[in-house]
Amino acid sequence: MKVVAVTACPTGVAHTYMAQEAIEKECRKRGYEVKVETQGSMGIENELEQEEVDAADVVILAVAISIEGEDRFEEKMDAGKVIQIDPGEVIKHPADLLDKAEKL
């Protein structure tokens, strides 16, 4: 399964990167292909290309603020392939998140 994600929190520090790590770790454990874009205090890092979004089976938006480039995910939203979740929940329950993603 191919997973792409964006993580962002209000301060753009701890939760942004902790959520990124939680998603990447759980995906690796399951053998999934994963790429996580962070929109934190350092700006946008590891930016997702439109081709990567289009090729993904699921998009995870672990965000607590509005993000730049949200329009990139419109087709996946229309197809019901986007999960929006608070970064804190991702950090606490990454396995539950990926279980939900598998069911999409």
PDB file of N, CA and C in Angstrom:
ATOM      1  N   MET A   1       0.851  -1.176   0.000  1.00  0.00           N
ATOM      2  CA  MET A   1       0.000   0.000   0.000  1.00  0.00           C
ATOM      3  C   MET A   1       0.898   1.241   0.000  1.00  0.00           C
ATOM      4  N   LYS A   2       0.482   2.254  -0.740  1.00  0.00           N
ATOM      5  CA  LYS A   2       1.200   3.521  -0.791  1.00  0.00           C
ATOM      6  C   LYS A   2       0.455   4.552   0.040  1.00  0.00           C
ATOM      7  N   VAL A   3       1.170   5.149   0.988  1.00  0.00           N
ATOM      8  CA  VAL A   3       0.587   6.132   1.889  1.00  0.00           C
ATOM      9  C   VAL A   3       1.350   7.440   1.744  1.00  0.00           C
ATOM     10  N   VAL A   4       0.617   8.541   1.589  1.00  0.00           N
ATOM     11  CA  VAL A   4       1.221   9.868   1.686  1.00  0.00           C
ATOM     12  C   VAL A   4       0.504  10.602   2.801  1.00  0.00           C
ATOM     13  N   ALA A   5       1.243  11.507   3.449  1.00  0.00           N
ATOM     14  CA  ALA A   5       0.671  12.219   4.583  1.00  0.00           C
ATOM     15  C   ALA A   5       1.241  13.616   4.675  1.00  0.00           C
ATOM     16  N   VAL A   6       0.478  14.480   5.345  1.00  0.00           N
ATOM     17  CA  VAL A   6       0.958  15.807   5.706  1.00  0.00           C
ATOM     18  C   VAL A   6       0.732  15.940   7.205  1.00  0.00           C
ATOM     19  N   THR A   7       1.754  16.423   7.915  1.00  0.00           N
ATOM     20  CA  THR A   7       1.599  16.681   9.346  1.00  0.00           C
ATOM     21  C   THR A   7       1.847  18.161   9.607  1.00  0.00           C
ATOM     22  N   ALA A   8       1.031  18.740  10.485  1.00  0.00           N
ATOM     23  CA  ALA A   8       1.172  20.156  10.844  1.00  0.00           C
ATOM     24  C   ALA A   8       0.435  20.405  12.154  1.00  0.00           C
ATOM     25  N   CYS A   9       1.077  21.144  13.053  1.00  0.00           N
ATOM     26  CA  CYS A   9       0.438  21.521  14.315  1.00  0.00           C
ATOM     27  C   CYS A   9       0.573  23.032  14.500  1.00  0.00           C
ATOM     28  N   PRO A  10      -0.162  23.611  15.428  1.00  0.00           N
ATOM     29  CA  PRO A  10      -0.150  25.069  15.578  1.00  0.00           C
ATOM     30  C   PRO A  10       1.236  25.686  15.793  1.00  0.00           C
ATOM     31  N   THR A  11       2.080  25.044  16.584  1.00  0.00           N
ATOM     32  CA  THR A  11       3.413  25.612  16.809  1.00  0.00           C
ATOM     33  C   THR A  11       4.420  25.153  15.772  1.00  0.00           C
ATOM     34  N   GLY A  12       4.095  24.076  15.062  1.00  0.00           N
ATOM     35  CA  GLY A  12       4.977  23.608  13.996  1.00  0.00           C
ATOM     36  C   GLY A  12       6.255  22.977  14.495  1.00  0.00           C
ATOM     37  N   VAL A  13       6.212  22.464  15.707  1.00  0.00           N
ATOM     38  CA  VAL A  13       7.430  21.866  16.246  1.00  0.00           C
ATOM     39  C   VAL A  13       7.154  20.411  16.627  1.00  0.00           C
ATOM     40  N   ALA A  14       6.934  20.153  17.886  1.00  0.00           N
ATOM     41  CA  ALA A  14       6.906  18.787  18.398  1.00  0.00           C
ATOM     42  C   ALA A  14       5.905  17.864  17.708  1.00  0.00           C
ATOM     43  N   HIS A  15       4.612  18.197  17.764  1.00  0.00           N
ATOM     44  CA  HIS A  15       3.606  17.273  17.243  1.00  0.00           C
ATOM     45  C   HIS A  15       3.743  17.045  15.743  1.00  0.00           C
ATOM     46  N   THR A  16       4.168  18.052  14.996  1.00  0.00           N
ATOM     47  CA  THR A  16       4.351  17.889  13.548  1.00  0.00           C
ATOM     48  C   THR A  16       5.319  16.745  13.273  1.00  0.00           C
ATOM     49  N   TYR A  17       6.446  16.763  13.954  1.00  0.00           N
ATOM     50  CA  TYR A  17       7.496  15.774  13.684  1.00  0.00           C
ATOM     51  C   TYR A  17       7.253  14.453  14.394  1.00  0.00           C
ATOM     52  N   MET A  18       6.594  14.495  15.568  1.00  0.00           N
ATOM     53  CA  MET A  18       6.250  13.249  16.253  1.00  0.00           C
ATOM     54  C   MET A  18       5.197  12.473  15.459  1.00  0.00           C
ATOM     55  N   ALA A  19       4.241  13.182  14.866  1.00  0.00           N
ATOM     56  CA  ALA A  19       3.220  12.528  14.036  1.00  0.00           C
ATOM     57  C   ALA A  19       3.874  11.932  12.785  1.00  0.00           C
ATOM     58  N   GLN A  20       4.803  12.676  12.184  1.00  0.00           N
ATOM     59  CA  GLN A  20       5.533  12.161  11.016  1.00  0.00           C
ATOM     60  C   GLN A  20       6.229  10.848  11.376  1.00  0.00           C
ATOM     61  N   GLU A  21       6.935  10.847  12.485  1.00  0.00           N
ATOM     62  CA  GLU A  21       7.671   9.655  12.901  1.00  0.00           C
ATOM     63  C   GLU A  21       6.735   8.480  13.171  1.00  0.00           C
ATOM     64  N   ALA A  22       5.599   8.750  13.824  1.00  0.00           N
ATOM     65  CA  ALA A  22       4.642   7.685  14.139  1.00  0.00           C
ATOM     66  C   ALA A  22       4.073   7.055  12.869  1.00  0.00           C
ATOM     67  N   ILE A  23       3.727   7.881  11.883  1.00  0.00           N
ATOM     68  CA  ILE A  23       3.185   7.368  10.610  1.00  0.00           C
ATOM     69  C   ILE A  23       4.243   6.555   9.885  1.00  0.00           C
ATOM     70  N   GLU A  24       5.449   7.100   9.773  1.00  0.00           N
ATOM     71  CA  GLU A  24       6.517   6.394   9.059  1.00  0.00           C
ATOM     72  C   GLU A  24       6.858   5.067   9.722  1.00  0.00           C
ATOM     73  N   LYS A  25       6.939   5.060  11.034  1.00  0.00           N
ATOM     74  CA  LYS A  25       7.292   3.842  11.773  1.00  0.00           C
ATOM     75  C   LYS A  25       6.241   2.751  11.575  1.00  0.00           C
ATOM     76  N   GLU A  26       4.960   3.121  11.702  1.00  0.00           N
ATOM     77  CA  GLU A  26       3.884   2.136  11.552  1.00  0.00           C
ATOM     78  C   GLU A  26       3.811   1.626  10.113  1.00  0.00           C
ATOM     79  N   CYS A  27       4.021   2.501   9.142  1.00  0.00           N
ATOM     80  CA  CYS A  27       3.992   2.072   7.740  1.00  0.00           C
ATOM     81  C   CYS A  27       5.147   1.112   7.435  1.00  0.00           C
ATOM     82  N   ARG A  28       6.337   1.437   7.921  1.00  0.00           N
ATOM     83  CA  ARG A  28       7.492   0.547   7.705  1.00  0.00           C
ATOM     84  C   ARG A  28       7.251  -0.815   8.323  1.00  0.00           C
ATOM     85  N   LYS A  29       6.648  -0.821   9.524  1.00  0.00           N
ATOM     86  CA  LYS A  29       6.350  -2.073  10.220  1.00  0.00           C
ATOM     87  C   LYS A  29       5.429  -2.959   9.369  1.00  0.00           C
ATOM     88  N   ARG A  30       4.540  -2.319   8.617  1.00  0.00           N
ATOM     89  CA  ARG A  30       3.579  -3.059   7.788  1.00  0.00           C
ATOM     90  C   ARG A  30       4.074  -3.278   6.351  1.00  0.00           C
ATOM     91  N   GLY A  31       5.253  -2.756   6.047  1.00  0.00           N
ATOM     92  CA  GLY A  31       5.800  -2.925   4.702  1.00  0.00           C
ATOM     93  C   GLY A  31       5.184  -2.000   3.664  1.00  0.00           C
ATOM     94  N   TYR A  32       4.611  -0.876   4.100  1.00  0.00           N
ATOM     95  CA  TYR A  32       3.987   0.073   3.186  1.00  0.00           C
ATOM     96  C   TYR A  32       5.010   1.071   2.670  1.00  0.00           C
ATOM     97  N   GLU A  33       4.750   1.579   1.473  1.00  0.00           N
ATOM     98  CA  GLU A  33       5.519   2.689   0.931  1.00  0.00           C
ATOM     99  C   GLU A  33       4.930   3.958   1.550  1.00  0.00           C
ATOM    100  N   VAL A  34       5.789   4.853   2.045  1.00  0.00           N
ATOM    101  CA  VAL A  34       5.277   6.034   2.743  1.00  0.00           C
ATOM    102  C   VAL A  34       6.138   7.258   2.471  1.00  0.00           C
ATOM    103  N   LYS A  35       5.475   8.405   2.369  1.00  0.00           N
ATOM    104  CA  LYS A  35       6.167   9.688   2.304  1.00  0.00           C
ATOM    105  C   LYS A  35       5.336  10.683   3.089  1.00  0.00           C
ATOM    106  N   VAL A  36       5.997  11.413   3.995  1.00  0.00           N
ATOM    107  CA  VAL A  36       5.304  12.363   4.863  1.00  0.00           C
ATOM    108  C   VAL A  36       5.889  13.758   4.653  1.00  0.00           C
ATOM    109  N   GLU A  37       5.017  14.663   4.275  1.00  0.00           N
ATOM    110  CA  GLU A  37       5.379  16.079   4.159  1.00  0.00           C
ATOM    111  C   GLU A  37       5.093  16.732   5.502  1.00  0.00           C
ATOM    112  N   THR A  38       6.037  17.560   5.970  1.00  0.00           N
ATOM    113  CA  THR A  38       5.788  18.306   7.196  1.00  0.00           C
ATOM    114  C   THR A  38       5.649  19.784   6.865  1.00  0.00           C
ATOM    115  N   GLN A  39       4.693  20.412   7.514  1.00  0.00           N
ATOM    116  CA  GLN A  39       4.525  21.864   7.403  1.00  0.00           C
ATOM    117  C   GLN A  39       4.672  22.401   8.814  1.00  0.00           C
ATOM    118  N   GLY A  40       5.932  22.658   9.168  1.00  0.00           N
ATOM    119  CA  GLY A  40       6.236  23.066  10.533  1.00  0.00           C
ATOM    120  C   GLY A  40       6.904  24.419  10.586  1.00  0.00           C
ATOM    121  N   SER A  41       7.622  24.641  11.678  1.00  0.00           N
ATOM    122  CA  SER A  41       8.287  25.922  11.893  1.00  0.00           C
ATOM    123  C   SER A  41       9.382  26.173  10.858  1.00  0.00           C
ATOM    124  N   MET A  42       9.863  25.124  10.207  1.00  0.00           N
ATOM    125  CA  MET A  42      10.896  25.245   9.178  1.00  0.00           C
ATOM    126  C   MET A  42      10.291  25.412   7.786  1.00  0.00           C
ATOM    127  N   GLY A  43       8.963  25.577   7.719  1.00  0.00           N
ATOM    128  CA  GLY A  43       8.290  25.659   6.424  1.00  0.00           C
ATOM    129  C   GLY A  43       7.918  24.267   5.941  1.00  0.00           C
ATOM    130  N   ILE A  44       7.748  24.126   4.637  1.00  0.00           N
ATOM    131  CA  ILE A  44       7.373  22.834   4.064  1.00  0.00           C
ATOM    132  C   ILE A  44       8.641  22.032   3.813  1.00  0.00           C
ATOM    133  N   GLU A  45       8.664  20.814   4.364  1.00  0.00           N
ATOM    134  CA  GLU A  45       9.788  19.916   4.151  1.00  0.00           C
ATOM    135  C   GLU A  45       9.273  18.614   3.555  1.00  0.00           C
ATOM    136  N   ASN A  46      10.081  17.996   2.701  1.00  0.00           N
ATOM    137  CA  ASN A  46       9.742  16.711   2.088  1.00  0.00           C
ATOM    138  C   ASN A  46       8.430  16.832   1.296  1.00  0.00           C
ATOM    139  N   GLU A  47       8.312  17.916   0.531  1.00  0.00           N
ATOM    140  CA  GLU A  47       7.062  18.253  -0.159  1.00  0.00           C
ATOM    141  C   GLU A  47       6.601  17.147  -1.097  1.00  0.00           C
ATOM    142  N   LEU A  48       5.308  16.842  -1.028  1.00  0.00           N
ATOM    143  CA  LEU A  48       4.702  15.824  -1.885  1.00  0.00           C
ATOM    144  C   LEU A  48       4.474  16.384  -3.281  1.00  0.00           C
ATOM    145  N   GLU A  49       4.869  15.624  -4.273  1.00  0.00           N
ATOM    146  CA  GLU A  49       4.585  15.980  -5.666  1.00  0.00           C
ATOM    147  C   GLU A  49       3.183  15.483  -6.008  1.00  0.00           C
ATOM    148  N   GLN A  50       2.533  16.132  -6.971  1.00  0.00           N
ATOM    149  CA  GLN A  50       1.183  15.725  -7.368  1.00  0.00           C
ATOM    150  C   GLN A  50       1.154  14.262  -7.827  1.00  0.00           C
ATOM    151  N   GLU A  51       2.205  13.819  -8.509  1.00  0.00           N
ATOM    152  CA  GLU A  51       2.265  12.424  -8.985  1.00  0.00           C
ATOM    153  C   GLU A  51       2.248  11.451  -7.805  1.00  0.00           C
ATOM    154  N   GLU A  52       2.922  11.815  -6.709  1.00  0.00           N
ATOM    155  CA  GLU A  52       2.950  10.950  -5.525  1.00  0.00           C
ATOM    156  C   GLU A  52       1.569  10.883  -4.882  1.00  0.00           C
ATOM    157  N   VAL A  53       0.895  12.011  -4.841  1.00  0.00           N
ATOM    158  CA  VAL A  53      -0.464  12.047  -4.290  1.00  0.00           C
ATOM    159  C   VAL A  53      -1.386  11.190  -5.152  1.00  0.00           C
ATOM    160  N   ASP A  54      -1.298  11.358  -6.462  1.00  0.00           N
ATOM    161  CA  ASP A  54      -2.162  10.611  -7.382  1.00  0.00           C
ATOM    162  C   ASP A  54      -1.941   9.102  -7.278  1.00  0.00           C
ATOM    163  N   ALA A  55      -0.696   8.681  -7.031  1.00  0.00           N
ATOM    164  CA  ALA A  55      -0.354   7.259  -6.974  1.00  0.00           C
ATOM    165  C   ALA A  55      -0.681   6.623  -5.622  1.00  0.00           C
ATOM    166  N   ALA A  56      -0.971   7.441  -4.623  1.00  0.00           N
ATOM    167  CA  ALA A  56      -1.201   6.922  -3.270  1.00  0.00           C
ATOM    168  C   ALA A  56      -2.541   6.212  -3.151  1.00  0.00           C
ATOM    169  N   ASP A  57      -2.560   5.195  -2.290  1.00  0.00           N
ATOM    170  CA  ASP A  57      -3.811   4.497  -1.973  1.00  0.00           C
ATOM    171  C   ASP A  57      -4.616   5.274  -0.937  1.00  0.00           C
ATOM    172  N   VAL A  58      -3.909   6.012  -0.098  1.00  0.00           N
ATOM    173  CA  VAL A  58      -4.574   6.781   0.952  1.00  0.00           C
ATOM    174  C   VAL A  58      -3.737   8.020   1.281  1.00  0.00           C
ATOM    175  N   VAL A  59      -4.445   9.089   1.655  1.00  0.00           N
ATOM    176  CA  VAL A  59      -3.808  10.331   2.094  1.00  0.00           C
ATOM    177  C   VAL A  59      -4.205  10.553   3.549  1.00  0.00           C
ATOM    178  N   ILE A  60      -3.199  10.795   4.395  1.00  0.00           N
ATOM    179  CA  ILE A  60      -3.453  11.094   5.790  1.00  0.00           C
ATOM    180  C   ILE A  60      -3.104  12.562   6.020  1.00  0.00           C
ATOM    181  N   LEU A  61      -4.073  13.318   6.491  1.00  0.00           N
ATOM    182  CA  LEU A  61      -3.836  14.714   6.846  1.00  0.00           C
ATOM    183  C   LEU A  61      -3.887  14.802   8.365  1.00  0.00           C
ATOM    184  N   ALA A  62      -2.711  14.709   8.979  1.00  0.00           N
ATOM    185  CA  ALA A  62      -2.602  14.801  10.440  1.00  0.00           C
ATOM    186  C   ALA A  62      -2.290  16.249  10.766  1.00  0.00           C
ATOM    187  N   VAL A  63      -3.341  17.065  10.726  1.00  0.00           N
ATOM    188  CA  VAL A  63      -3.153  18.511  10.831  1.00  0.00           C
ATOM    189  C   VAL A  63      -4.109  19.119  11.852  1.00  0.00           C
ATOM    190  N   ALA A  64      -3.595  20.133  12.558  1.00  0.00           N
ATOM    191  CA  ALA A  64      -4.413  20.862  13.523  1.00  0.00           C
ATOM    192  C   ALA A  64      -4.554  22.318  13.096  1.00  0.00           C
ATOM    193  N   ILE A  65      -4.054  22.626  11.913  1.00  0.00           N
ATOM    194  CA  ILE A  65      -4.134  23.967  11.335  1.00  0.00           C
ATOM    195  C   ILE A  65      -4.413  23.824   9.851  1.00  0.00           C
ATOM    196  N   SER A  66      -4.749  24.921   9.180  1.00  0.00           N
ATOM    197  CA  SER A  66      -4.916  24.834   7.733  1.00  0.00           C
ATOM    198  C   SER A  66      -3.525  24.723   7.111  1.00  0.00           C
ATOM    199  N   ILE A  67      -3.441  23.989   6.009  1.00  0.00           N
ATOM    200  CA  ILE A  67      -2.150  23.727   5.379  1.00  0.00           C
ATOM    201  C   ILE A  67      -2.084  24.348   3.994  1.00  0.00           C
ATOM    202  N   GLU A  68      -0.875  24.516   3.522  1.00  0.00           N
ATOM    203  CA  GLU A  68      -0.671  25.005   2.163  1.00  0.00           C
ATOM    204  C   GLU A  68      -0.850  23.851   1.181  1.00  0.00           C
ATOM    205  N   GLY A  69      -1.433  24.143   0.043  1.00  0.00           N
ATOM    206  CA  GLY A  69      -1.542  23.149  -1.024  1.00  0.00           C
ATOM    207  C   GLY A  69      -2.580  22.075  -0.794  1.00  0.00           C
ATOM    208  N   GLU A  70      -3.596  22.375  -0.010  1.00  0.00           N
ATOM    209  CA  GLU A  70      -4.620  21.369   0.285  1.00  0.00           C
ATOM    210  C   GLU A  70      -5.383  20.941  -0.977  1.00  0.00           C
ATOM    211  N   ASP A  71      -5.416  21.816  -1.976  1.00  0.00           N
ATOM    212  CA  ASP A  71      -6.107  21.491  -3.226  1.00  0.00           C
ATOM    213  C   ASP A  71      -5.490  20.285  -3.938  1.00  0.00           C
ATOM    214  N   ARG A  72      -4.249  19.932  -3.618  1.00  0.00           N
ATOM    215  CA  ARG A  72      -3.607  18.756  -4.218  1.00  0.00           C
ATOM    216  C   ARG A  72      -4.365  17.476  -3.911  1.00  0.00           C
ATOM    217  N   PHE A  73      -5.157  17.490  -2.844  1.00  0.00           N
ATOM    218  CA  PHE A  73      -5.803  16.274  -2.364  1.00  0.00           C
ATOM    219  C   PHE A  73      -7.282  16.175  -2.727  1.00  0.00           C
ATOM    220  N   GLU A  74      -7.787  17.118  -3.536  1.00  0.00           N
ATOM    221  CA  GLU A  74      -9.222  17.157  -3.844  1.00  0.00           C
ATOM    222  C   GLU A  74      -9.739  15.867  -4.476  1.00  0.00           C
ATOM    223  N   GLU A  75      -9.006  15.321  -5.448  1.00  0.00           N
ATOM    224  CA  GLU A  75      -9.463  14.082  -6.102  1.00  0.00           C
ATOM    225  C   GLU A  75      -9.545  12.940  -5.110  1.00  0.00           C
ATOM    226  N   LYS A  76      -8.553  12.837  -4.227  1.00  0.00           N
ATOM    227  CA  LYS A  76      -8.556  11.763  -3.221  1.00  0.00           C
ATOM    228  C   LYS A  76      -9.690  11.978  -2.222  1.00  0.00           C
ATOM    229  N   MET A  77      -9.987  13.244  -1.900  1.00  0.00           N
ATOM    230  CA  MET A  77     -11.102  13.538  -0.991  1.00  0.00           C
ATOM    231  C   MET A  77     -12.412  13.096  -1.624  1.00  0.00           C
ATOM    232  N   ASP A  78     -12.585  13.443  -2.900  1.00  0.00           N
ATOM    233  CA  ASP A  78     -13.813  13.061  -3.609  1.00  0.00           C
ATOM    234  C   ASP A  78     -13.975  11.548  -3.674  1.00  0.00           C
ATOM    235  N   ALA A  79     -12.846  10.827  -3.731  1.00  0.00           N
ATOM    236  CA  ALA A  79     -12.872   9.363  -3.815  1.00  0.00           C
ATOM    237  C   ALA A  79     -12.964   8.705  -2.436  1.00  0.00           C
ATOM    238  N   GLY A  80     -12.993   9.511  -1.371  1.00  0.00           N
ATOM    239  CA  GLY A  80     -13.081   8.962  -0.021  1.00  0.00           C
ATOM    240  C   GLY A  80     -11.794   8.323   0.463  1.00  0.00           C
ATOM    241  N   LYS A  81     -10.670   8.789  -0.040  1.00  0.00           N
ATOM    242  CA  LYS A  81      -9.371   8.194   0.292  1.00  0.00           C
ATOM    243  C   LYS A  81      -8.511   9.102   1.167  1.00  0.00           C
ATOM    244  N   VAL A  82      -9.154  10.016   1.904  1.00  0.00           N
ATOM    245  CA  VAL A  82      -8.423  10.938   2.769  1.00  0.00           C
ATOM    246  C   VAL A  82      -8.914  10.756   4.202  1.00  0.00           C
ATOM    247  N   ILE A  83      -7.957  10.644   5.114  1.00  0.00           N
ATOM    248  CA  ILE A  83      -8.269  10.605   6.541  1.00  0.00           C
ATOM    249  C   ILE A  83      -7.727  11.886   7.154  1.00  0.00           C
ATOM    250  N   GLN A  84      -8.606  12.656   7.791  1.00  0.00           N
ATOM    251  CA  GLN A  84      -8.169  13.850   8.516  1.00  0.00           C
ATOM    252  C   GLN A  84      -8.216  13.517   9.999  1.00  0.00           C
ATOM    253  N   ILE A  85      -7.102  13.814  10.683  1.00  0.00           N
ATOM    254  CA  ILE A  85      -6.970  13.413  12.079  1.00  0.00           C
ATOM    255  C   ILE A  85      -6.060  14.402  12.799  1.00  0.00           C
ATOM    256  N   ASP A  86      -6.261  14.547  14.089  1.00  0.00           N
ATOM    257  CA  ASP A  86      -5.407  15.414  14.894  1.00  0.00           C
ATOM    258  C   ASP A  86      -4.031  14.762  15.067  1.00  0.00           C
ATOM    259  N   PRO A  87      -2.958  15.532  14.962  1.00  0.00           N
ATOM    260  CA  PRO A  87      -1.616  14.953  15.121  1.00  0.00           C
ATOM    261  C   PRO A  87      -1.431  14.206  16.441  1.00  0.00           C
ATOM    262  N   GLY A  88      -2.049  14.696  17.511  1.00  0.00           N
ATOM    263  CA  GLY A  88      -1.943  14.031  18.810  1.00  0.00           C
ATOM    264  C   GLY A  88      -2.506  12.620  18.794  1.00  0.00           C
ATOM    265  N   GLU A  89      -3.599  12.416  18.057  1.00  0.00           N
ATOM    266  CA  GLU A  89      -4.192  11.083  17.937  1.00  0.00           C
ATOM    267  C   GLU A  89      -3.274  10.133  17.164  1.00  0.00           C
ATOM    268  N   VAL A  90      -2.611  10.660  16.150  1.00  0.00           N
ATOM    269  CA  VAL A  90      -1.670   9.841  15.360  1.00  0.00           C
ATOM    270  C   VAL A  90      -0.537   9.355  16.261  1.00  0.00           C
ATOM    271  N   ILE A  91      -0.033  10.254  17.087  1.00  0.00           N
ATOM    272  CA  ILE A  91       1.086   9.913  17.981  1.00  0.00           C
ATOM    273  C   ILE A  91       0.669   8.832  18.972  1.00  0.00           C
ATOM    274  N   LYS A  92      -0.555   8.939  19.498  1.00  0.00           N
ATOM    275  CA  LYS A  92      -1.038   7.973  20.493  1.00  0.00           C
ATOM    276  C   LYS A  92      -1.459   6.643  19.880  1.00  0.00           C
ATOM    277  N   HIS A  93      -2.065   6.687  18.672  1.00  0.00           N
ATOM    278  CA  HIS A  93      -2.674   5.475  18.102  1.00  0.00           C
ATOM    279  C   HIS A  93      -2.347   5.284  16.616  1.00  0.00           C
ATOM    280  N   PRO A  94      -1.067   5.173  16.256  1.00  0.00           N
ATOM    281  CA  PRO A  94      -0.742   5.024  14.831  1.00  0.00           C
ATOM    282  C   PRO A  94      -1.284   3.732  14.214  1.00  0.00           C
ATOM    283  N   ALA A  95      -1.332   2.659  14.983  1.00  0.00           N
ATOM    284  CA  ALA A  95      -1.834   1.391  14.445  1.00  0.00           C
ATOM    285  C   ALA A  95      -3.319   1.502  14.084  1.00  0.00           C
ATOM    286  N   ASP A  96      -4.105   2.173  14.954  1.00  0.00           N
ATOM    287  CA  ASP A  96      -5.536   2.359  14.678  1.00  0.00           C
ATOM    288  C   ASP A  96      -5.730   3.160  13.396  1.00  0.00           C
ATOM    289  N   LEU A  97      -4.889   4.173  13.211  1.00  0.00           N
ATOM    290  CA  LEU A  97      -4.961   5.002  12.009  1.00  0.00           C
ATOM    291  C   LEU A  97      -4.727   4.169  10.756  1.00  0.00           C
ATOM    292  N   LEU A  98      -3.689   3.334  10.772  1.00  0.00           N
ATOM    293  CA  LEU A  98      -3.377   2.532   9.588  1.00  0.00           C
ATOM    294  C   LEU A  98      -4.401   1.425   9.379  1.00  0.00           C
ATOM    295  N   ASP A  99      -4.992   0.915  10.462  1.00  0.00           N
ATOM    296  CA  ASP A  99      -6.091  -0.065  10.324  1.00  0.00           C
ATOM    297  C   ASP A  99      -7.247   0.587   9.578  1.00  0.00           C
ATOM    298  N   LYS A 100      -7.557   1.846   9.942  1.00  0.00           N
ATOM    299  CA  LYS A 100      -8.637   2.583   9.283  1.00  0.00           C
ATOM    300  C   LYS A 100      -8.290   2.820   7.821  1.00  0.00           C
ATOM    301  N   ALA A 101      -7.031   3.164   7.544  1.00  0.00           N
ATOM    302  CA  ALA A 101      -6.594   3.417   6.173  1.00  0.00           C
ATOM    303  C   ALA A 101      -6.744   2.177   5.296  1.00  0.00           C
ATOM    304  N   GLU A 102      -6.478   1.017   5.870  1.00  0.00           N
ATOM    305  CA  GLU A 102      -6.592  -0.233   5.109  1.00  0.00           C
ATOM    306  C   GLU A 102      -8.013  -0.510   4.671  1.00  0.00           C
ATOM    307  N   LYS A 103      -8.984  -0.007   5.430  1.00  0.00           N
ATOM    308  CA  LYS A 103     -10.396  -0.276   5.136  1.00  0.00           C
ATOM    309  C   LYS A 103     -10.974   0.654   4.073  1.00  0.00           C
ATOM    310  N   LEU A 104     -10.230   1.705   3.720  1.00  0.00           N
ATOM    311  CA  LEU A 104     -10.750   2.662   2.729  1.00  0.00           C
ATOM    312  C   LEU A 104     -10.778   2.051   1.332  1.00  0.00           C
TER     313      LEU A 104
END
